[in-house]
């Protein structure tokens, strides 16, 4: 299983393995990552799974779709590498990918 690395805004790091086909949001929640809330359960309606994909991994995930891009436009702390973790599907190519988390979700 691919290993995912989550870095909280305070520097706390959580490493976990996730099955291929799972979403990054579900993997984070299962690992107890506090910075990924996922209030809507992956319905792409709450923005509480916002993350920053490390530059080294950004080309290993499918690009954001139009709805996700529109929603990310509402995130005050959005950056070029911002994504919703509920929309990123774990693949073998994500092994070792790092996801940095903002100080605040929503």
N, C-alpha and C. Protein backbone atom coordinates (compact mmCIF):
# COMPACT_ATOMS: atom_id res chain seq x y z
N UNK A 1 0.84 -1.18 0.00
CA UNK A 1 0.00 0.00 0.00
C UNK A 1 0.88 1.25 0.00
N UNK A 2 0.46 2.28 -0.72
CA UNK A 2 1.23 3.52 -0.75
C UNK A 2 1.25 4.20 0.62
N UNK A 3 2.39 4.80 0.94
CA UNK A 3 2.54 5.55 2.18
C UNK A 3 2.23 7.01 1.89
N UNK A 4 1.42 7.63 2.75
CA UNK A 4 1.08 9.04 2.65
C UNK A 4 1.61 9.75 3.89
N UNK A 5 2.06 10.97 3.71
CA UNK A 5 2.62 11.76 4.81
C UNK A 5 1.79 13.04 4.96
N UNK A 6 1.26 13.25 6.16
CA UNK A 6 0.48 14.44 6.46
C UNK A 6 1.25 15.29 7.46
N UNK A 7 1.38 16.58 7.17
CA UNK A 7 2.08 17.49 8.08
C UNK A 7 1.10 18.56 8.53
N UNK A 8 0.79 18.52 9.82
CA UNK A 8 -0.13 19.50 10.41
C UNK A 8 0.54 20.88 10.43
N UNK A 9 -0.25 21.92 10.59
CA UNK A 9 0.30 23.29 10.58
C UNK A 9 1.31 23.52 11.70
N UNK A 10 1.24 22.72 12.77
CA UNK A 10 2.20 22.88 13.88
C UNK A 10 3.45 22.02 13.71
N UNK A 11 3.54 21.33 12.57
CA UNK A 11 4.71 20.49 12.29
C UNK A 11 4.54 19.03 12.64
N UNK A 12 3.46 18.68 13.35
CA UNK A 12 3.20 17.28 13.67
C UNK A 12 3.05 16.49 12.38
N UNK A 13 3.74 15.37 12.29
CA UNK A 13 3.70 14.55 11.09
C UNK A 13 3.02 13.22 11.39
N UNK A 14 2.12 12.83 10.49
CA UNK A 14 1.46 11.53 10.59
C UNK A 14 1.73 10.79 9.28
N UNK A 15 2.30 9.60 9.38
CA UNK A 15 2.52 8.76 8.21
C UNK A 15 1.56 7.58 8.29
N UNK A 16 0.96 7.26 7.16
CA UNK A 16 0.02 6.15 7.13
C UNK A 16 0.09 5.47 5.77
N UNK A 17 -0.40 4.26 5.70
CA UNK A 17 -0.54 3.57 4.43
C UNK A 17 -2.01 3.55 4.07
N UNK A 18 -2.29 3.61 2.78
CA UNK A 18 -3.68 3.63 2.33
C UNK A 18 -3.83 2.72 1.12
N UNK A 19 -4.96 2.03 1.04
CA UNK A 19 -5.17 1.17 -0.12
C UNK A 19 -5.41 1.99 -1.39
N UNK A 20 -4.93 1.46 -2.49
CA UNK A 20 -5.19 2.08 -3.79
C UNK A 20 -6.71 2.14 -3.99
N UNK A 21 -7.19 3.27 -4.45
CA UNK A 21 -8.62 3.46 -4.68
C UNK A 21 -9.32 4.24 -3.58
N UNK A 22 -8.69 4.32 -2.41
CA UNK A 22 -9.23 5.09 -1.29
C UNK A 22 -8.96 6.57 -1.55
N UNK A 23 -9.72 7.46 -0.93
CA UNK A 23 -9.41 8.88 -1.07
C UNK A 23 -8.40 9.27 0.01
N UNK A 24 -7.66 10.31 -0.29
CA UNK A 24 -6.69 10.82 0.68
C UNK A 24 -7.42 11.29 1.94
N UNK A 25 -8.62 11.85 1.79
CA UNK A 25 -9.38 12.29 2.96
C UNK A 25 -9.71 11.12 3.88
N UNK A 26 -10.21 10.04 3.32
CA UNK A 26 -10.57 8.88 4.15
C UNK A 26 -9.33 8.27 4.81
N UNK A 27 -8.23 8.25 4.08
CA UNK A 27 -6.99 7.72 4.65
C UNK A 27 -6.53 8.59 5.83
N UNK A 28 -6.64 9.90 5.67
CA UNK A 28 -6.25 10.82 6.75
C UNK A 28 -7.15 10.64 7.97
N UNK A 29 -8.43 10.55 7.75
CA UNK A 29 -9.37 10.38 8.86
C UNK A 29 -9.12 9.06 9.58
N UNK A 30 -8.88 8.00 8.82
CA UNK A 30 -8.62 6.69 9.43
C UNK A 30 -7.34 6.71 10.27
N UNK A 31 -6.39 7.55 9.88
CA UNK A 31 -5.12 7.64 10.60
C UNK A 31 -5.18 8.65 11.75
N UNK A 32 -6.32 9.30 11.92
CA UNK A 32 -6.47 10.26 13.01
C UNK A 32 -5.81 11.60 12.78
N UNK A 33 -5.67 11.98 11.52
CA UNK A 33 -5.08 13.28 11.20
C UNK A 33 -6.07 14.38 11.59
N UNK A 34 -5.71 15.18 12.58
CA UNK A 34 -6.63 16.19 13.12
C UNK A 34 -6.95 17.30 12.12
N UNK A 35 -6.03 17.63 11.25
CA UNK A 35 -6.21 18.74 10.32
C UNK A 35 -7.11 18.47 9.15
N UNK A 36 -7.55 17.24 8.99
CA UNK A 36 -8.51 16.89 7.94
C UNK A 36 -9.82 16.55 8.64
N UNK A 37 -10.81 17.44 8.50
CA UNK A 37 -12.08 17.26 9.19
C UNK A 37 -13.04 16.41 8.36
N UNK A 38 -13.24 16.77 7.11
CA UNK A 38 -14.11 16.00 6.23
C UNK A 38 -15.56 15.96 6.69
N UNK A 39 -16.10 17.11 7.09
CA UNK A 39 -17.46 17.17 7.63
C UNK A 39 -18.52 16.58 6.71
N UNK A 40 -18.36 16.76 5.40
CA UNK A 40 -19.39 16.28 4.46
C UNK A 40 -19.16 14.84 4.03
N UNK A 41 -18.10 14.21 4.54
CA UNK A 41 -17.84 12.81 4.21
C UNK A 41 -17.35 12.58 2.81
N UNK A 42 -16.89 13.62 2.16
CA UNK A 42 -16.35 13.46 0.81
C UNK A 42 -17.29 13.94 -0.27
N UNK A 43 -18.33 14.67 0.11
CA UNK A 43 -19.32 15.16 -0.86
C UNK A 43 -18.92 16.45 -1.55
N UNK A 44 -17.72 16.93 -1.28
CA UNK A 44 -17.19 18.15 -1.90
C UNK A 44 -18.09 19.36 -1.64
N UNK A 45 -18.56 19.47 -0.38
CA UNK A 45 -19.45 20.59 -0.08
C UNK A 45 -19.04 21.38 1.16
N UNK A 46 -18.00 20.96 1.87
CA UNK A 46 -17.69 21.64 3.14
C UNK A 46 -16.32 22.31 3.16
N UNK A 47 -15.43 21.93 2.30
CA UNK A 47 -14.07 22.48 2.21
C UNK A 47 -13.21 22.20 3.44
N UNK A 48 -13.60 21.24 4.28
CA UNK A 48 -12.84 20.96 5.49
C UNK A 48 -11.79 19.86 5.31
N UNK A 49 -11.47 19.55 4.06
CA UNK A 49 -10.37 18.62 3.79
C UNK A 49 -9.33 19.27 2.88
N UNK A 50 -9.32 20.60 2.90
CA UNK A 50 -8.35 21.36 2.11
C UNK A 50 -6.93 20.99 2.54
N UNK A 51 -6.08 20.78 1.56
CA UNK A 51 -4.68 20.48 1.84
C UNK A 51 -3.81 21.09 0.76
N UNK A 52 -2.52 21.14 1.05
CA UNK A 52 -1.53 21.59 0.07
C UNK A 52 -0.72 20.37 -0.33
N UNK A 53 -0.78 20.03 -1.60
CA UNK A 53 -0.03 18.88 -2.10
C UNK A 53 1.42 19.32 -2.33
N UNK A 54 2.36 18.58 -1.78
CA UNK A 54 3.77 18.91 -1.95
C UNK A 54 4.11 18.98 -3.44
N UNK A 55 4.93 19.93 -3.77
CA UNK A 55 5.29 20.14 -5.19
C UNK A 55 5.83 18.86 -5.84
N UNK A 56 6.54 18.05 -5.09
CA UNK A 56 7.10 16.81 -5.64
C UNK A 56 6.03 15.80 -6.02
N UNK A 57 4.82 15.96 -5.48
CA UNK A 57 3.74 14.99 -5.74
C UNK A 57 2.64 15.54 -6.64
N UNK A 58 2.63 16.83 -6.89
CA UNK A 58 1.51 17.45 -7.60
C UNK A 58 1.28 16.85 -8.99
N UNK A 59 2.34 16.46 -9.66
CA UNK A 59 2.20 15.89 -11.00
C UNK A 59 1.80 14.42 -10.98
N UNK A 60 1.71 13.84 -9.78
CA UNK A 60 1.34 12.42 -9.67
C UNK A 60 -0.14 12.22 -9.38
N UNK A 61 -0.90 13.31 -9.35
CA UNK A 61 -2.35 13.20 -9.12
C UNK A 61 -3.09 13.82 -10.29
N UNK A 62 -4.31 13.34 -10.49
CA UNK A 62 -5.15 13.91 -11.55
C UNK A 62 -5.45 15.36 -11.21
N UNK A 63 -5.54 16.23 -12.21
CA UNK A 63 -5.83 17.63 -11.92
C UNK A 63 -7.23 17.81 -11.34
N UNK A 64 -7.41 18.90 -10.63
CA UNK A 64 -8.72 19.22 -10.05
C UNK A 64 -9.72 19.46 -11.17
N UNK A 65 -10.94 18.98 -10.95
CA UNK A 65 -12.01 19.22 -11.90
C UNK A 65 -12.57 20.62 -11.74
N UNK A 66 -13.50 21.02 -12.62
CA UNK A 66 -14.02 22.38 -12.58
C UNK A 66 -14.75 22.74 -11.28
N UNK A 67 -15.50 21.81 -10.72
CA UNK A 67 -16.23 22.11 -9.48
C UNK A 67 -15.25 22.28 -8.33
N UNK A 68 -14.27 21.40 -8.25
CA UNK A 68 -13.27 21.53 -7.19
C UNK A 68 -12.51 22.84 -7.32
N UNK A 69 -12.12 23.21 -8.52
CA UNK A 69 -11.41 24.47 -8.73
C UNK A 69 -12.27 25.66 -8.29
N UNK A 70 -13.56 25.60 -8.61
CA UNK A 70 -14.46 26.68 -8.21
C UNK A 70 -14.56 26.77 -6.68
N UNK A 71 -14.70 25.62 -6.03
CA UNK A 71 -14.78 25.61 -4.57
C UNK A 71 -13.49 26.12 -3.93
N UNK A 72 -12.36 25.72 -4.47
CA UNK A 72 -11.08 26.18 -3.92
C UNK A 72 -10.93 27.70 -4.05
N UNK A 73 -11.65 28.29 -4.99
CA UNK A 73 -11.65 29.74 -5.13
C UNK A 73 -12.26 30.44 -3.93
N UNK A 74 -13.02 29.70 -3.13
CA UNK A 74 -13.65 30.25 -1.92
C UNK A 74 -12.76 30.12 -0.69
N UNK A 75 -11.66 29.42 -0.81
CA UNK A 75 -10.76 29.19 0.33
C UNK A 75 -9.78 30.35 0.44
N UNK A 76 -9.84 31.06 1.55
CA UNK A 76 -8.99 32.24 1.75
C UNK A 76 -7.51 31.89 1.69
N UNK A 77 -7.15 30.73 2.22
CA UNK A 77 -5.74 30.34 2.29
C UNK A 77 -5.30 29.46 1.11
N UNK A 78 -6.09 29.45 0.04
CA UNK A 78 -5.76 28.60 -1.12
C UNK A 78 -4.44 29.04 -1.76
N UNK A 79 -3.72 28.06 -2.24
CA UNK A 79 -2.47 28.28 -2.96
C UNK A 79 -2.56 27.51 -4.28
N UNK A 80 -1.56 27.67 -5.10
CA UNK A 80 -1.52 26.99 -6.39
C UNK A 80 -1.61 25.47 -6.25
N UNK A 81 -1.08 24.94 -5.16
CA UNK A 81 -1.06 23.49 -4.94
C UNK A 81 -2.17 23.02 -4.00
N UNK A 82 -3.20 23.85 -3.80
CA UNK A 82 -4.33 23.47 -2.94
C UNK A 82 -5.20 22.44 -3.63
N UNK A 83 -5.67 21.49 -2.84
CA UNK A 83 -6.62 20.49 -3.32
C UNK A 83 -7.56 20.13 -2.18
N UNK A 84 -8.68 19.50 -2.54
CA UNK A 84 -9.57 18.90 -1.56
C UNK A 84 -9.18 17.43 -1.47
N UNK A 85 -8.83 16.98 -0.28
CA UNK A 85 -8.35 15.61 -0.11
C UNK A 85 -9.41 14.58 -0.49
N UNK A 86 -10.68 14.96 -0.43
CA UNK A 86 -11.75 14.03 -0.79
C UNK A 86 -11.78 13.75 -2.29
N UNK A 87 -11.08 14.56 -3.06
CA UNK A 87 -11.08 14.40 -4.51
C UNK A 87 -9.80 13.78 -5.05
N UNK A 88 -8.89 13.44 -4.16
CA UNK A 88 -7.63 12.81 -4.57
C UNK A 88 -7.72 11.32 -4.26
N UNK A 89 -7.64 10.52 -5.30
CA UNK A 89 -7.70 9.07 -5.14
C UNK A 89 -6.28 8.52 -5.02
N UNK A 90 -6.09 7.67 -4.03
CA UNK A 90 -4.78 7.07 -3.81
C UNK A 90 -4.45 6.11 -4.95
N UNK A 91 -3.26 6.29 -5.50
CA UNK A 91 -2.72 5.39 -6.52
C UNK A 91 -1.32 4.98 -6.06
N UNK A 92 -0.77 3.98 -6.71
CA UNK A 92 0.59 3.55 -6.38
C UNK A 92 1.59 4.69 -6.57
N UNK A 93 1.31 5.58 -7.51
CA UNK A 93 2.20 6.71 -7.79
C UNK A 93 2.28 7.70 -6.63
N UNK A 94 1.31 7.65 -5.71
CA UNK A 94 1.31 8.57 -4.57
C UNK A 94 2.18 8.09 -3.41
N UNK A 95 2.84 6.96 -3.56
CA UNK A 95 3.68 6.45 -2.47
C UNK A 95 4.70 7.52 -2.07
N UNK A 96 4.69 7.89 -0.80
CA UNK A 96 5.61 8.89 -0.28
C UNK A 96 5.13 10.32 -0.44
N UNK A 97 3.92 10.52 -0.96
CA UNK A 97 3.40 11.88 -1.17
C UNK A 97 3.16 12.58 0.16
N UNK A 98 3.44 13.87 0.16
CA UNK A 98 3.28 14.69 1.36
C UNK A 98 2.13 15.68 1.15
N UNK A 99 1.33 15.82 2.20
CA UNK A 99 0.20 16.74 2.19
C UNK A 99 0.32 17.65 3.41
N UNK A 100 0.51 18.94 3.17
CA UNK A 100 0.60 19.91 4.26
C UNK A 100 -0.79 20.46 4.54
N UNK A 101 -1.08 20.70 5.81
CA UNK A 101 -2.42 21.11 6.20
C UNK A 101 -2.43 22.54 6.73
N UNK A 102 -3.48 23.29 6.37
CA UNK A 102 -3.58 24.67 6.84
C UNK A 102 -3.92 24.72 8.33
N UNK A 103 -3.73 25.88 8.93
CA UNK A 103 -4.03 26.06 10.35
C UNK A 103 -5.53 26.01 10.62
N UNK A 104 -6.32 26.28 9.61
CA UNK A 104 -7.77 26.36 9.79
C UNK A 104 -8.48 25.76 8.58
N UNK A 105 -9.53 25.00 8.81
CA UNK A 105 -10.33 24.40 7.74
C UNK A 105 -11.69 25.08 7.70
N UNK A 106 -12.20 25.27 6.51
CA UNK A 106 -13.56 25.79 6.37
C UNK A 106 -13.63 27.09 5.66
